[in-house]
Amino acid sequence: MYQTISKETMEALGKIDTPSICNAIEGFNVRGKEEGFMLPEIKGVFRTLPPAVGYAVTGVISAVQPEGRNVSREDWWDLIVSVPEPRFIVLHDIDNPPLGAYWGEVQGNIHKALGAVGVATDGTVRDIDEVESLGFQFFAKEISASHAYVHLVEIGIPVTIGGLTVKTGDLLHGDKHGVTSIPFEIAEQIPDMVQTIAEYEEKTISLCQSPDFTLEKLKEVAKITRPY
């Protein structure tokens, strides 16, 4: 039902930082350079955790009142496990401004046990120390003290967070810099492209750090065809 990539590629992507993933995607010219990633308003909360990569599971939350549509936790959990592992949760908060945190120590533990590696939300998160110790990634707009009346109101539908529209099953990658989507058609080629770009950039970096640096040499290096 859902498109997947090989286990080897998934592991390789998990060792690459998100800016390098974005650079590599640019090298294939499959989308505009201004597309495919969440805006800076969605911040990586934990600076030291490794990258999170997985298949999106989407939903919508609200915390302003107890009444209204309410999706059961059991249906949400069933949706999560229907998506291949590793899973990357994506929750859109319809409150403006966001109020209560769906995400904290308990939800972090539940979702990690269900095979999720992290969550991206335009809502709020809390229990920062406990969740960082758990190794579960938070990408969020704000941090909040309370959960208020937070509850699920929709699941499995496309959501837009930080300018990026995400569907359940999409391939996502995130670290302390933010979150990007990865097109399936190039996913297997990304690690090699990352290496190609690293070798290209190393020529400039090595020259700039060399005691033999000159402007003329920099201009010569700049003539090398840029791979992205």
N, C-alpha and C. Protein backbone atom coordinates (compact mmCIF):
# COMPACT_ATOMS: atom_id res chain seq x y z
N MET A 1 0.83 -1.21 0.00
CA MET A 1 0.00 0.00 0.00
C MET A 1 0.86 1.26 0.00
N TYR A 2 1.89 1.28 0.84
CA TYR A 2 2.77 2.44 0.94
C TYR A 2 4.10 2.16 0.25
N GLN A 3 4.64 3.17 -0.41
CA GLN A 3 5.94 3.04 -1.05
C GLN A 3 7.02 3.04 0.01
N THR A 4 8.08 2.25 -0.20
CA THR A 4 9.17 2.16 0.77
C THR A 4 10.51 2.20 0.05
N ILE A 5 11.56 2.37 0.84
CA ILE A 5 12.92 2.29 0.34
C ILE A 5 13.62 1.13 1.04
N SER A 6 14.80 0.77 0.57
CA SER A 6 15.50 -0.36 1.16
C SER A 6 15.97 -0.03 2.58
N LYS A 7 16.14 -1.06 3.37
CA LYS A 7 16.64 -0.89 4.74
C LYS A 7 18.02 -0.24 4.72
N GLU A 8 18.85 -0.62 3.76
CA GLU A 8 20.20 -0.08 3.67
C GLU A 8 20.17 1.43 3.40
N THR A 9 19.29 1.85 2.50
CA THR A 9 19.17 3.28 2.21
C THR A 9 18.64 4.03 3.41
N MET A 10 17.65 3.45 4.10
CA MET A 10 17.10 4.10 5.29
C MET A 10 18.19 4.31 6.33
N GLU A 11 19.02 3.32 6.54
CA GLU A 11 20.11 3.44 7.51
C GLU A 11 21.13 4.49 7.05
N ALA A 12 21.42 4.54 5.76
CA ALA A 12 22.37 5.52 5.24
C ALA A 12 21.83 6.93 5.41
N LEU A 13 20.55 7.14 5.13
CA LEU A 13 19.95 8.46 5.28
C LEU A 13 19.97 8.92 6.73
N GLY A 14 19.86 7.97 7.66
CA GLY A 14 19.88 8.30 9.07
C GLY A 14 21.23 8.77 9.57
N LYS A 15 22.27 8.65 8.75
CA LYS A 15 23.61 9.08 9.13
C LYS A 15 23.99 10.41 8.47
N ILE A 16 23.06 11.00 7.74
CA ILE A 16 23.34 12.22 6.99
C ILE A 16 22.55 13.37 7.61
N ASP A 17 23.17 14.56 7.71
CA ASP A 17 22.45 15.70 8.26
C ASP A 17 21.45 16.23 7.23
N THR A 18 20.42 16.92 7.72
CA THR A 18 19.34 17.36 6.84
C THR A 18 19.78 18.39 5.80
N PRO A 19 20.66 19.37 6.11
CA PRO A 19 21.12 20.26 5.04
C PRO A 19 21.78 19.51 3.88
N SER A 20 22.54 18.47 4.20
CA SER A 20 23.16 17.69 3.13
C SER A 20 22.12 16.94 2.30
N ILE A 21 21.05 16.47 2.97
CA ILE A 21 19.95 15.83 2.24
C ILE A 21 19.31 16.84 1.28
N CYS A 22 19.07 18.06 1.77
CA CYS A 22 18.48 19.09 0.92
C CYS A 22 19.38 19.41 -0.27
N ASN A 23 20.67 19.54 -0.03
CA ASN A 23 21.61 19.80 -1.13
C ASN A 23 21.55 18.70 -2.18
N ALA A 24 21.52 17.45 -1.69
CA ALA A 24 21.51 16.31 -2.61
C ALA A 24 20.24 16.31 -3.46
N ILE A 25 19.10 16.60 -2.85
CA ILE A 25 17.85 16.65 -3.61
C ILE A 25 17.94 17.70 -4.71
N GLU A 26 18.55 18.85 -4.41
CA GLU A 26 18.70 19.90 -5.41
C GLU A 26 19.49 19.40 -6.62
N GLY A 27 20.42 18.48 -6.37
CA GLY A 27 21.25 17.97 -7.46
C GLY A 27 20.49 17.18 -8.50
N PHE A 28 19.27 16.74 -8.19
CA PHE A 28 18.48 15.96 -9.14
C PHE A 28 17.43 16.79 -9.89
N ASN A 29 17.28 18.06 -9.50
CA ASN A 29 16.34 18.96 -10.18
C ASN A 29 14.93 18.37 -10.29
N VAL A 30 14.46 17.74 -9.21
CA VAL A 30 13.12 17.15 -9.22
C VAL A 30 12.07 18.10 -8.65
N ARG A 31 12.51 19.20 -8.03
CA ARG A 31 11.59 20.20 -7.50
C ARG A 31 12.33 21.52 -7.35
N GLY A 32 11.59 22.60 -7.17
CA GLY A 32 12.22 23.89 -6.97
C GLY A 32 13.02 23.94 -5.69
N LYS A 33 14.06 24.74 -5.68
CA LYS A 33 14.92 24.81 -4.50
C LYS A 33 14.22 25.45 -3.30
N GLU A 34 13.08 26.09 -3.56
CA GLU A 34 12.33 26.70 -2.46
C GLU A 34 11.22 25.78 -1.96
N GLU A 35 11.18 24.56 -2.44
CA GLU A 35 10.11 23.63 -2.11
C GLU A 35 10.62 22.44 -1.30
N GLY A 36 9.69 21.74 -0.63
CA GLY A 36 9.97 20.43 -0.08
C GLY A 36 10.47 20.37 1.35
N PHE A 37 10.60 21.52 2.02
CA PHE A 37 11.07 21.51 3.40
C PHE A 37 10.20 22.43 4.25
N MET A 38 10.19 22.17 5.56
CA MET A 38 9.41 23.00 6.48
C MET A 38 10.13 24.30 6.77
N LEU A 39 9.37 25.37 6.88
CA LEU A 39 9.93 26.68 7.17
C LEU A 39 10.61 26.71 8.54
N PRO A 40 11.48 27.69 8.78
CA PRO A 40 12.24 27.75 10.04
C PRO A 40 11.38 27.85 11.29
N GLU A 41 10.08 28.16 11.15
CA GLU A 41 9.21 28.21 12.33
C GLU A 41 9.07 26.84 12.99
N ILE A 42 9.32 25.76 12.24
CA ILE A 42 9.30 24.41 12.81
C ILE A 42 10.74 24.06 13.18
N LYS A 43 11.03 24.10 14.47
CA LYS A 43 12.41 24.00 14.95
C LYS A 43 12.70 22.63 15.56
N GLY A 44 13.93 22.15 15.31
CA GLY A 44 14.40 20.97 16.01
C GLY A 44 14.66 21.33 17.46
N VAL A 45 13.94 20.68 18.38
CA VAL A 45 14.04 21.03 19.80
C VAL A 45 15.33 20.50 20.41
N PHE A 46 15.76 19.33 19.98
CA PHE A 46 16.94 18.69 20.58
C PHE A 46 18.13 18.79 19.64
N ARG A 47 19.16 19.49 20.11
CA ARG A 47 20.30 19.79 19.24
C ARG A 47 21.28 18.64 19.09
N THR A 48 21.26 17.68 20.03
CA THR A 48 22.29 16.65 20.04
C THR A 48 21.82 15.30 19.51
N LEU A 49 20.52 15.13 19.29
CA LEU A 49 20.03 13.83 18.82
C LEU A 49 20.37 13.63 17.34
N PRO A 50 20.57 12.40 16.92
CA PRO A 50 20.88 12.12 15.52
C PRO A 50 19.67 12.38 14.63
N PRO A 51 19.87 12.40 13.31
CA PRO A 51 18.74 12.63 12.40
C PRO A 51 17.64 11.58 12.57
N ALA A 52 16.41 12.03 12.33
CA ALA A 52 15.26 11.14 12.32
C ALA A 52 14.79 11.00 10.88
N VAL A 53 14.55 9.78 10.44
CA VAL A 53 14.06 9.53 9.09
C VAL A 53 13.00 8.45 9.16
N GLY A 54 11.88 8.66 8.47
CA GLY A 54 10.81 7.68 8.51
C GLY A 54 9.64 8.07 7.63
N TYR A 55 8.61 7.22 7.64
CA TYR A 55 7.43 7.40 6.83
C TYR A 55 6.36 8.14 7.63
N ALA A 56 5.79 9.16 7.04
CA ALA A 56 4.87 10.05 7.74
C ALA A 56 3.57 9.36 8.11
N VAL A 57 3.08 9.72 9.31
CA VAL A 57 1.72 9.38 9.74
C VAL A 57 1.10 10.70 10.19
N THR A 58 0.01 11.11 9.55
CA THR A 58 -0.50 12.46 9.73
C THR A 58 -1.78 12.51 10.55
N GLY A 59 -1.98 13.65 11.22
CA GLY A 59 -3.20 13.89 11.97
C GLY A 59 -3.38 15.36 12.27
N VAL A 60 -4.52 15.68 12.88
CA VAL A 60 -4.87 17.05 13.22
C VAL A 60 -5.32 17.08 14.68
N ILE A 61 -4.89 18.11 15.43
CA ILE A 61 -5.22 18.23 16.84
C ILE A 61 -5.80 19.60 17.16
N SER A 62 -6.47 19.68 18.32
CA SER A 62 -6.93 20.95 18.88
C SER A 62 -6.91 20.83 20.40
N ALA A 63 -6.75 21.98 21.07
CA ALA A 63 -6.67 21.96 22.53
C ALA A 63 -7.55 23.02 23.19
N VAL A 64 -8.32 23.76 22.41
CA VAL A 64 -9.01 24.91 22.98
C VAL A 64 -10.29 24.57 23.72
N GLN A 65 -10.94 23.43 23.40
CA GLN A 65 -12.17 23.06 24.09
C GLN A 65 -12.36 21.55 24.03
N PRO A 66 -13.07 20.98 25.01
CA PRO A 66 -13.24 19.53 25.05
C PRO A 66 -14.25 19.01 24.05
N GLU A 67 -15.16 19.87 23.57
CA GLU A 67 -16.19 19.42 22.67
C GLU A 67 -15.68 19.34 21.23
N GLY A 68 -16.50 18.71 20.38
CA GLY A 68 -16.16 18.64 18.97
C GLY A 68 -15.74 17.25 18.56
N ARG A 69 -15.31 17.14 17.31
CA ARG A 69 -14.86 15.85 16.80
C ARG A 69 -13.70 15.32 17.61
N ASN A 70 -13.72 14.03 17.83
CA ASN A 70 -12.67 13.44 18.65
C ASN A 70 -12.37 12.04 18.12
N VAL A 71 -11.16 11.84 17.58
CA VAL A 71 -10.74 10.54 17.07
C VAL A 71 -10.21 9.72 18.24
N SER A 72 -10.58 8.46 18.29
CA SER A 72 -10.12 7.62 19.40
C SER A 72 -8.63 7.33 19.29
N ARG A 73 -8.00 7.18 20.44
CA ARG A 73 -6.58 6.82 20.46
C ARG A 73 -6.35 5.49 19.77
N GLU A 74 -7.28 4.55 19.92
CA GLU A 74 -7.12 3.23 19.31
C GLU A 74 -7.08 3.31 17.79
N ASP A 75 -7.96 4.15 17.21
CA ASP A 75 -7.94 4.32 15.75
C ASP A 75 -6.63 4.96 15.29
N TRP A 76 -6.13 5.91 16.07
CA TRP A 76 -4.86 6.55 15.77
C TRP A 76 -3.72 5.55 15.82
N TRP A 77 -3.70 4.74 16.85
CA TRP A 77 -2.64 3.74 16.97
C TRP A 77 -2.71 2.72 15.83
N ASP A 78 -3.94 2.33 15.45
CA ASP A 78 -4.10 1.40 14.33
C ASP A 78 -3.54 2.00 13.03
N LEU A 79 -3.79 3.30 12.82
CA LEU A 79 -3.24 3.95 11.63
C LEU A 79 -1.72 3.94 11.66
N ILE A 80 -1.15 4.25 12.80
CA ILE A 80 0.31 4.30 12.92
C ILE A 80 0.94 2.98 12.51
N VAL A 81 0.43 1.89 13.06
CA VAL A 81 1.07 0.58 12.78
C VAL A 81 0.75 0.07 11.39
N SER A 82 -0.18 0.72 10.67
CA SER A 82 -0.44 0.34 9.28
C SER A 82 0.62 0.88 8.33
N VAL A 83 1.41 1.84 8.80
CA VAL A 83 2.47 2.45 8.00
C VAL A 83 3.78 1.74 8.31
N PRO A 84 4.62 1.49 7.32
CA PRO A 84 5.89 0.79 7.57
C PRO A 84 6.78 1.54 8.56
N GLU A 85 7.60 0.82 9.29
CA GLU A 85 8.61 1.43 10.16
C GLU A 85 9.83 1.80 9.34
N PRO A 86 10.57 2.79 9.86
CA PRO A 86 10.31 3.69 10.99
C PRO A 86 9.25 4.73 10.63
N ARG A 87 8.51 5.19 11.64
CA ARG A 87 7.40 6.12 11.42
C ARG A 87 7.76 7.51 11.92
N PHE A 88 7.30 8.52 11.20
CA PHE A 88 7.58 9.91 11.51
C PHE A 88 6.22 10.60 11.65
N ILE A 89 5.82 10.93 12.87
CA ILE A 89 4.50 11.50 13.12
C ILE A 89 4.47 12.97 12.70
N VAL A 90 3.36 13.39 12.08
CA VAL A 90 3.18 14.78 11.66
C VAL A 90 1.78 15.22 12.08
N LEU A 91 1.71 16.15 13.04
CA LEU A 91 0.42 16.61 13.56
C LEU A 91 0.24 18.11 13.35
N HIS A 92 -0.83 18.45 12.65
CA HIS A 92 -1.20 19.86 12.44
C HIS A 92 -2.11 20.32 13.56
N ASP A 93 -1.76 21.44 14.19
CA ASP A 93 -2.55 22.04 15.27
C ASP A 93 -3.42 23.14 14.67
N ILE A 94 -4.74 23.00 14.78
CA ILE A 94 -5.63 23.99 14.16
C ILE A 94 -5.88 25.21 15.04
N ASP A 95 -5.34 25.20 16.27
CA ASP A 95 -5.52 26.35 17.15
C ASP A 95 -4.56 27.47 16.74
N ASN A 96 -5.05 28.70 16.82
CA ASN A 96 -4.22 29.85 16.45
C ASN A 96 -4.41 30.97 17.48
N PRO A 97 -3.42 31.16 18.36
CA PRO A 97 -2.14 30.47 18.42
C PRO A 97 -2.29 29.08 19.05
N PRO A 98 -1.28 28.20 18.86
CA PRO A 98 -1.34 26.89 19.49
C PRO A 98 -1.35 27.03 21.00
N LEU A 99 -2.09 26.13 21.66
CA LEU A 99 -2.29 26.25 23.10
C LEU A 99 -1.69 25.08 23.87
N GLY A 100 -2.32 23.93 23.77
CA GLY A 100 -1.91 22.79 24.59
C GLY A 100 -1.02 21.82 23.86
N ALA A 101 -0.11 21.19 24.60
CA ALA A 101 0.86 20.25 24.02
C ALA A 101 0.30 18.83 23.98
N TYR A 102 0.16 18.28 22.79
CA TYR A 102 -0.16 16.86 22.65
C TYR A 102 1.05 16.01 23.04
N TRP A 103 2.24 16.60 22.84
CA TRP A 103 3.47 15.83 22.94
C TRP A 103 4.20 16.10 24.24
N GLY A 104 4.48 15.00 24.97
CA GLY A 104 5.25 15.05 26.19
C GLY A 104 5.84 13.68 26.46
N GLU A 105 6.17 13.43 27.70
CA GLU A 105 6.84 12.18 28.07
C GLU A 105 5.99 10.95 27.74
N VAL A 106 4.70 11.00 28.08
CA VAL A 106 3.85 9.83 27.86
C VAL A 106 3.67 9.54 26.37
N GLN A 107 3.30 10.57 25.59
CA GLN A 107 3.11 10.35 24.16
C GLN A 107 4.41 9.99 23.47
N GLY A 108 5.51 10.55 23.93
CA GLY A 108 6.80 10.17 23.37
C GLY A 108 7.07 8.68 23.56
N ASN A 109 6.81 8.18 24.75
CA ASN A 109 7.02 6.76 25.02
C ASN A 109 6.07 5.88 24.23
N ILE A 110 4.79 6.27 24.17
CA ILE A 110 3.81 5.49 23.41
C ILE A 110 4.23 5.40 21.95
N HIS A 111 4.54 6.53 21.37
CA HIS A 111 4.82 6.54 19.94
C HIS A 111 6.16 5.90 19.60
N LYS A 112 7.12 6.00 20.49
CA LYS A 112 8.38 5.28 20.25
C LYS A 112 8.13 3.78 20.29
N ALA A 113 7.29 3.32 21.24
CA ALA A 113 6.96 1.90 21.31
C ALA A 113 6.22 1.43 20.06
N LEU A 114 5.52 2.36 19.40
CA LEU A 114 4.80 2.05 18.17
C LEU A 114 5.66 2.21 16.93
N GLY A 115 6.96 2.38 17.11
CA GLY A 115 7.89 2.41 15.99
C GLY A 115 8.12 3.77 15.38
N ALA A 116 7.76 4.84 16.12
CA ALA A 116 7.99 6.19 15.61
C ALA A 116 9.33 6.72 16.11
N VAL A 117 9.96 7.57 15.29
CA VAL A 117 11.27 8.13 15.64
C VAL A 117 11.18 9.58 16.08
N GLY A 118 10.03 10.22 15.80
CA GLY A 118 9.89 11.61 16.17
C GLY A 118 8.58 12.17 15.65
N VAL A 119 8.36 13.46 15.94
CA VAL A 119 7.15 14.14 15.50
C VAL A 119 7.51 15.54 15.01
N ALA A 120 6.80 15.97 13.97
CA ALA A 120 6.83 17.37 13.54
C ALA A 120 5.44 17.93 13.74
N THR A 121 5.33 19.07 14.41
CA THR A 121 4.04 19.69 14.67
C THR A 121 4.16 21.21 14.63
N ASP A 122 3.09 21.86 14.17
CA ASP A 122 3.03 23.31 14.28
C ASP A 122 2.30 23.70 15.56
N GLY A 123 2.15 22.73 16.45
CA GLY A 123 1.64 22.97 17.79
C GLY A 123 2.78 23.05 18.79
N THR A 124 2.53 22.57 20.01
CA THR A 124 3.51 22.71 21.08
C THR A 124 3.94 21.36 21.64
N VAL A 125 5.06 21.36 22.35
CA VAL A 125 5.58 20.17 23.01
C VAL A 125 5.99 20.53 24.43
N ARG A 126 6.19 19.52 25.27
CA ARG A 126 6.64 19.75 26.64
C ARG A 126 7.40 18.52 27.13
N ASP A 127 7.74 18.49 28.45
CA ASP A 127 8.54 17.40 29.04
C ASP A 127 9.85 17.22 28.27
N ILE A 128 10.53 18.32 28.04
CA ILE A 128 11.68 18.35 27.15
C ILE A 128 12.81 17.43 27.63
N ASP A 129 13.16 17.50 28.89
CA ASP A 129 14.28 16.70 29.40
C ASP A 129 14.00 15.21 29.28
N GLU A 130 12.78 14.81 29.65
CA GLU A 130 12.42 13.39 29.62
C GLU A 130 12.42 12.84 28.21
N VAL A 131 11.90 13.62 27.27
CA VAL A 131 11.80 13.13 25.90
C VAL A 131 13.17 13.11 25.22
N GLU A 132 14.01 14.08 25.54
CA GLU A 132 15.37 14.06 24.99
C GLU A 132 16.11 12.82 25.47
N SER A 133 15.94 12.46 26.74
CA SER A 133 16.58 11.26 27.28
C SER A 133 16.05 10.01 26.59
N LEU A 134 14.79 10.06 26.18
CA LEU A 134 14.17 8.93 25.48
C LEU A 134 14.76 8.76 24.08
N GLY A 135 15.27 9.85 23.51
CA GLY A 135 15.81 9.78 22.16
C GLY A 135 14.76 9.94 21.09
N PHE A 136 13.62 10.52 21.45
CA PHE A 136 12.52 10.75 20.51
C PHE A 136 12.58 12.19 20.03
N GLN A 137 12.59 12.40 18.72
CA GLN A 137 12.80 13.74 18.17
C GLN A 137 11.54 14.60 18.22
N PHE A 138 11.70 15.84 18.63
CA PHE A 138 10.65 16.85 18.59
C PHE A 138 11.03 17.93 17.57
N PHE A 139 10.12 18.19 16.63
CA PHE A 139 10.22 19.35 15.74
C PHE A 139 8.93 20.13 15.93
N ALA A 140 9.01 21.32 16.47
CA ALA A 140 7.80 22.01 16.89
C ALA A 140 7.89 23.50 16.72
N LYS A 141 6.72 24.14 16.75
CA LYS A 141 6.65 25.59 16.65
C LYS A 141 6.88 26.25 18.00
N GLU A 142 6.36 25.65 19.07
CA GLU A 142 6.44 26.26 20.39
C GLU A 142 6.60 25.19 21.46
N ILE A 143 6.96 25.64 22.67
CA ILE A 143 6.99 24.80 23.87
C ILE A 143 5.92 25.33 24.82
N SER A 144 5.17 24.42 25.44
CA SER A 144 4.07 24.81 26.32
C SER A 144 4.12 24.03 27.62
N ALA A 145 3.57 24.62 28.68
CA ALA A 145 3.56 23.95 29.98
C ALA A 145 2.41 22.95 30.12
N SER A 146 1.28 23.19 29.44
CA SER A 146 0.06 22.41 29.67
C SER A 146 -0.41 21.71 28.41
N HIS A 147 -1.19 20.63 28.61
CA HIS A 147 -1.82 19.98 27.47
C HIS A 147 -3.22 20.51 27.20
N ALA A 148 -3.75 21.32 28.15
CA ALA A 148 -5.09 21.90 28.00
C ALA A 148 -6.11 20.81 27.64
N TYR A 149 -6.93 21.03 26.59
CA TYR A 149 -7.91 20.03 26.18
C TYR A 149 -7.47 19.29 24.91
N VAL A 150 -6.19 19.13 24.72
CA VAL A 150 -5.69 18.64 23.44
C VAL A 150 -6.26 17.26 23.10
N HIS A 151 -6.65 17.11 21.83
CA HIS A 151 -7.21 15.84 21.36
C HIS A 151 -7.10 15.78 19.83
N LEU A 152 -7.14 14.58 19.31
CA LEU A 152 -7.12 14.36 17.87
C LEU A 152 -8.50 14.66 17.29
N VAL A 153 -8.50 15.35 16.13
CA VAL A 153 -9.78 15.62 15.47
C VAL A 153 -9.85 15.02 14.06
N GLU A 154 -8.71 14.71 13.46
CA GLU A 154 -8.66 14.04 12.16
C GLU A 154 -7.38 13.22 12.11
N ILE A 155 -7.40 12.13 11.37
CA ILE A 155 -6.18 11.35 11.17
C ILE A 155 -6.10 10.88 9.73
N GLY A 156 -4.86 10.73 9.26
CA GLY A 156 -4.63 10.15 7.95
C GLY A 156 -4.85 11.06 6.76
N ILE A 157 -5.17 12.33 7.00
CA ILE A 157 -5.41 13.26 5.89
C ILE A 157 -4.14 14.07 5.61
N PRO A 158 -4.01 14.63 4.40
CA PRO A 158 -2.86 15.52 4.15
C PRO A 158 -2.91 16.73 5.07
N VAL A 159 -1.76 17.12 5.59
CA VAL A 159 -1.67 18.29 6.46
C VAL A 159 -0.53 19.17 5.97
N THR A 160 -0.64 20.46 6.26
CA THR A 160 0.42 21.40 5.89
C THR A 160 1.02 21.99 7.15
N ILE A 161 2.32 21.78 7.33
CA ILE A 161 3.04 22.26 8.51
C ILE A 161 4.29 22.99 8.04
N GLY A 162 4.45 24.22 8.51
CA GLY A 162 5.61 24.99 8.11
C GLY A 162 5.73 25.14 6.61
N GLY A 163 4.59 25.23 5.93
CA GLY A 163 4.58 25.41 4.49
C GLY A 163 4.73 24.13 3.68
N LEU A 164 4.96 23.00 4.34
CA LEU A 164 5.14 21.72 3.64
C LEU A 164 3.89 20.87 3.79
N THR A 165 3.30 20.47 2.69
CA THR A 165 2.15 19.56 2.74
C THR A 165 2.66 18.12 2.78
N VAL A 166 2.18 17.38 3.76
CA VAL A 166 2.65 16.01 4.01
C VAL A 166 1.46 15.06 3.96
N LYS A 167 1.63 13.94 3.27
CA LYS A 167 0.64 12.88 3.23
C LYS A 167 1.17 11.68 4.01
N THR A 168 0.25 10.92 4.59
CA THR A 168 0.66 9.69 5.25
C THR A 168 1.39 8.80 4.25
N GLY A 169 2.56 8.33 4.66
CA GLY A 169 3.39 7.50 3.78
C GLY A 169 4.55 8.24 3.16
N ASP A 170 4.55 9.59 3.19
CA ASP A 170 5.68 10.35 2.65
C ASP A 170 6.95 10.05 3.44
N LEU A 171 8.09 10.19 2.78
CA LEU A 171 9.39 9.97 3.41
C LEU A 171 9.94 11.30 3.91
N LEU A 172 10.21 11.38 5.23
CA LEU A 172 10.67 12.61 5.86
C LEU A 172 12.03 12.42 6.52
N HIS A 173 12.78 13.52 6.61
CA HIS A 173 14.09 13.51 7.26
C HIS A 173 14.21 14.79 8.07
N GLY A 174 14.68 14.69 9.32
CA GLY A 174 14.83 15.89 10.14
C GLY A 174 15.96 15.79 11.13
N ASP A 175 16.58 16.92 11.42
CA ASP A 175 17.56 17.01 12.50
C ASP A 175 17.47 18.41 13.11
N LYS A 176 18.49 18.85 13.81
CA LYS A 176 18.45 20.13 14.51
C LYS A 176 18.22 21.32 13.58
N HIS A 177 18.40 21.12 12.28
CA HIS A 177 18.20 22.20 11.33
C HIS A 177 16.75 22.33 10.87
N GLY A 178 15.98 21.25 10.96
CA GLY A 178 14.61 21.28 10.49
C GLY A 178 14.23 19.98 9.80
N VAL A 179 13.15 20.03 9.01
CA VAL A 179 12.57 18.83 8.40
C VAL A 179 12.41 19.03 6.90
N THR A 180 12.74 17.98 6.12
CA THR A 180 12.52 18.00 4.69
C THR A 180 11.85 16.70 4.26
N SER A 181 11.16 16.74 3.14
CA SER A 181 10.64 15.52 2.53
C SER A 181 11.65 15.03 1.50
N ILE A 182 11.63 13.73 1.24
CA ILE A 182 12.55 13.13 0.27
C ILE A 182 11.71 12.45 -0.81
N PRO A 183 11.84 12.87 -2.07
CA PRO A 183 11.11 12.20 -3.16
C PRO A 183 11.55 10.74 -3.29
N PHE A 184 10.60 9.85 -3.37
CA PHE A 184 10.94 8.43 -3.44
C PHE A 184 11.77 8.09 -4.67
N GLU A 185 11.53 8.79 -5.78
CA GLU A 185 12.19 8.42 -7.03
C GLU A 185 13.70 8.64 -6.99
N ILE A 186 14.20 9.42 -6.04
CA ILE A 186 15.64 9.65 -5.96
C ILE A 186 16.24 9.19 -4.63
N ALA A 187 15.42 8.66 -3.75
CA ALA A 187 15.88 8.34 -2.38
C ALA A 187 17.09 7.42 -2.37
N GLU A 188 17.08 6.41 -3.20
CA GLU A 188 18.18 5.44 -3.19
C GLU A 188 19.49 6.06 -3.67
N GLN A 189 19.40 7.15 -4.43
CA GLN A 189 20.59 7.79 -4.99
C GLN A 189 21.15 8.91 -4.11
N ILE A 190 20.42 9.25 -3.07
CA ILE A 190 20.82 10.40 -2.25
C ILE A 190 22.19 10.20 -1.58
N PRO A 191 22.47 9.05 -0.95
CA PRO A 191 23.78 8.92 -0.29
C PRO A 191 24.96 9.16 -1.24
N ASP A 192 24.86 8.66 -2.47
CA ASP A 192 25.95 8.88 -3.42
C ASP A 192 26.06 10.35 -3.81
N MET A 193 24.92 11.01 -3.98
CA MET A 193 24.94 12.43 -4.32
C MET A 193 25.52 13.25 -3.17
N VAL A 194 25.20 12.87 -1.93
CA VAL A 194 25.77 13.56 -0.77
C VAL A 194 27.30 13.47 -0.81
N GLN A 195 27.82 12.30 -1.15
CA GLN A 195 29.27 12.12 -1.23
C GLN A 195 29.87 12.97 -2.35
N THR A 196 29.20 13.00 -3.48
CA THR A 196 29.67 13.80 -4.61
C THR A 196 29.75 15.28 -4.23
N ILE A 197 28.72 15.78 -3.56
CA ILE A 197 28.70 17.18 -3.16
C ILE A 197 29.75 17.46 -2.10
N ALA A 198 29.94 16.51 -1.17
CA ALA A 198 30.96 16.70 -0.13
C ALA A 198 32.35 16.82 -0.74
N GLU A 199 32.63 16.01 -1.76
CA GLU A 199 33.93 16.08 -2.42
C GLU A 199 34.09 17.40 -3.16
N TYR A 200 33.02 17.88 -3.77
CA TYR A 200 33.06 19.18 -4.45
C TYR A 200 33.33 20.30 -3.44
N GLU A 201 32.59 20.30 -2.34
CA GLU A 201 32.75 21.37 -1.35
C GLU A 201 34.09 21.32 -0.65
N GLU A 202 34.65 20.12 -0.51
CA GLU A 202 35.93 19.99 0.18
C GLU A 202 37.04 20.72 -0.57
N LYS A 203 36.96 20.81 -1.86
CA LYS A 203 37.98 21.54 -2.63
C LYS A 203 38.03 23.00 -2.20
N THR A 204 36.86 23.61 -2.03
CA THR A 204 36.80 25.01 -1.59
C THR A 204 37.22 25.15 -0.13
N ILE A 205 36.73 24.27 0.71
CA ILE A 205 37.04 24.34 2.14
C ILE A 205 38.53 24.15 2.39
N SER A 206 39.12 23.15 1.74
CA SER A 206 40.55 22.88 1.92
C SER A 206 41.40 24.07 1.48
N LEU A 207 41.02 24.66 0.36
CA LEU A 207 41.76 25.82 -0.12
C LEU A 207 41.66 26.98 0.87
N CYS A 208 40.45 27.25 1.36
CA CYS A 208 40.24 28.38 2.26
C CYS A 208 41.01 28.21 3.58
N GLN A 209 41.24 26.98 3.98
CA GLN A 209 41.95 26.71 5.22
C GLN A 209 43.45 26.51 5.01
N SER A 210 43.87 26.57 3.76
CA SER A 210 45.27 26.34 3.43
C SER A 210 46.11 27.61 3.60
N PRO A 211 47.35 27.46 4.07
CA PRO A 211 48.24 28.63 4.14
C PRO A 211 48.60 29.15 2.75
N ASP A 212 48.32 28.37 1.72
CA ASP A 212 48.62 28.77 0.35
C ASP A 212 47.43 29.43 -0.34
N PHE A 213 46.41 29.77 0.43
CA PHE A 213 45.22 30.38 -0.15
C PHE A 213 45.55 31.68 -0.87
N THR A 214 44.96 31.83 -2.05
CA THR A 214 45.00 33.12 -2.76
C THR A 214 43.65 33.32 -3.44
N LEU A 215 43.31 34.54 -3.72
CA LEU A 215 42.07 34.84 -4.42
C LEU A 215 42.06 34.20 -5.80
N GLU A 216 43.21 34.18 -6.45
CA GLU A 216 43.28 33.59 -7.78
C GLU A 216 42.96 32.11 -7.74
N LYS A 217 43.48 31.39 -6.72
CA LYS A 217 43.17 29.96 -6.59
C LYS A 217 41.69 29.74 -6.29
N LEU A 218 41.10 30.64 -5.49
CA LEU A 218 39.67 30.53 -5.19
C LEU A 218 38.85 30.68 -6.46
N LYS A 219 39.23 31.59 -7.29
CA LYS A 219 38.51 31.79 -8.55
C LYS A 219 38.62 30.56 -9.44
N GLU A 220 39.77 29.90 -9.41
CA GLU A 220 39.95 28.69 -10.21
C GLU A 220 39.05 27.56 -9.70
N VAL A 221 39.03 27.39 -8.38
CA VAL A 221 38.17 26.35 -7.79
C VAL A 221 36.71 26.64 -8.10
N ALA A 222 36.33 27.91 -8.10
CA ALA A 222 34.94 28.28 -8.35
C ALA A 222 34.48 27.94 -9.75
N LYS A 223 35.40 27.68 -10.66
CA LYS A 223 35.05 27.32 -12.02
C LYS A 223 34.61 25.86 -12.15
N ILE A 224 34.86 25.06 -11.12
CA ILE A 224 34.45 23.66 -11.15
C ILE A 224 32.92 23.58 -11.15
N THR A 225 32.37 22.74 -12.00
CA THR A 225 30.91 22.64 -12.13
C THR A 225 30.28 22.22 -10.80
N ARG A 226 29.34 23.02 -10.36
CA ARG A 226 28.63 22.76 -9.11
C ARG A 226 27.60 21.64 -9.31
N PRO A 227 27.59 20.60 -8.46
CA PRO A 227 26.68 19.47 -8.68
C PRO A 227 25.27 19.68 -8.15
N TYR A 228 24.98 20.84 -7.55
CA TYR A 228 23.64 21.08 -7.01
C TYR A 228 23.26 22.55 -7.11
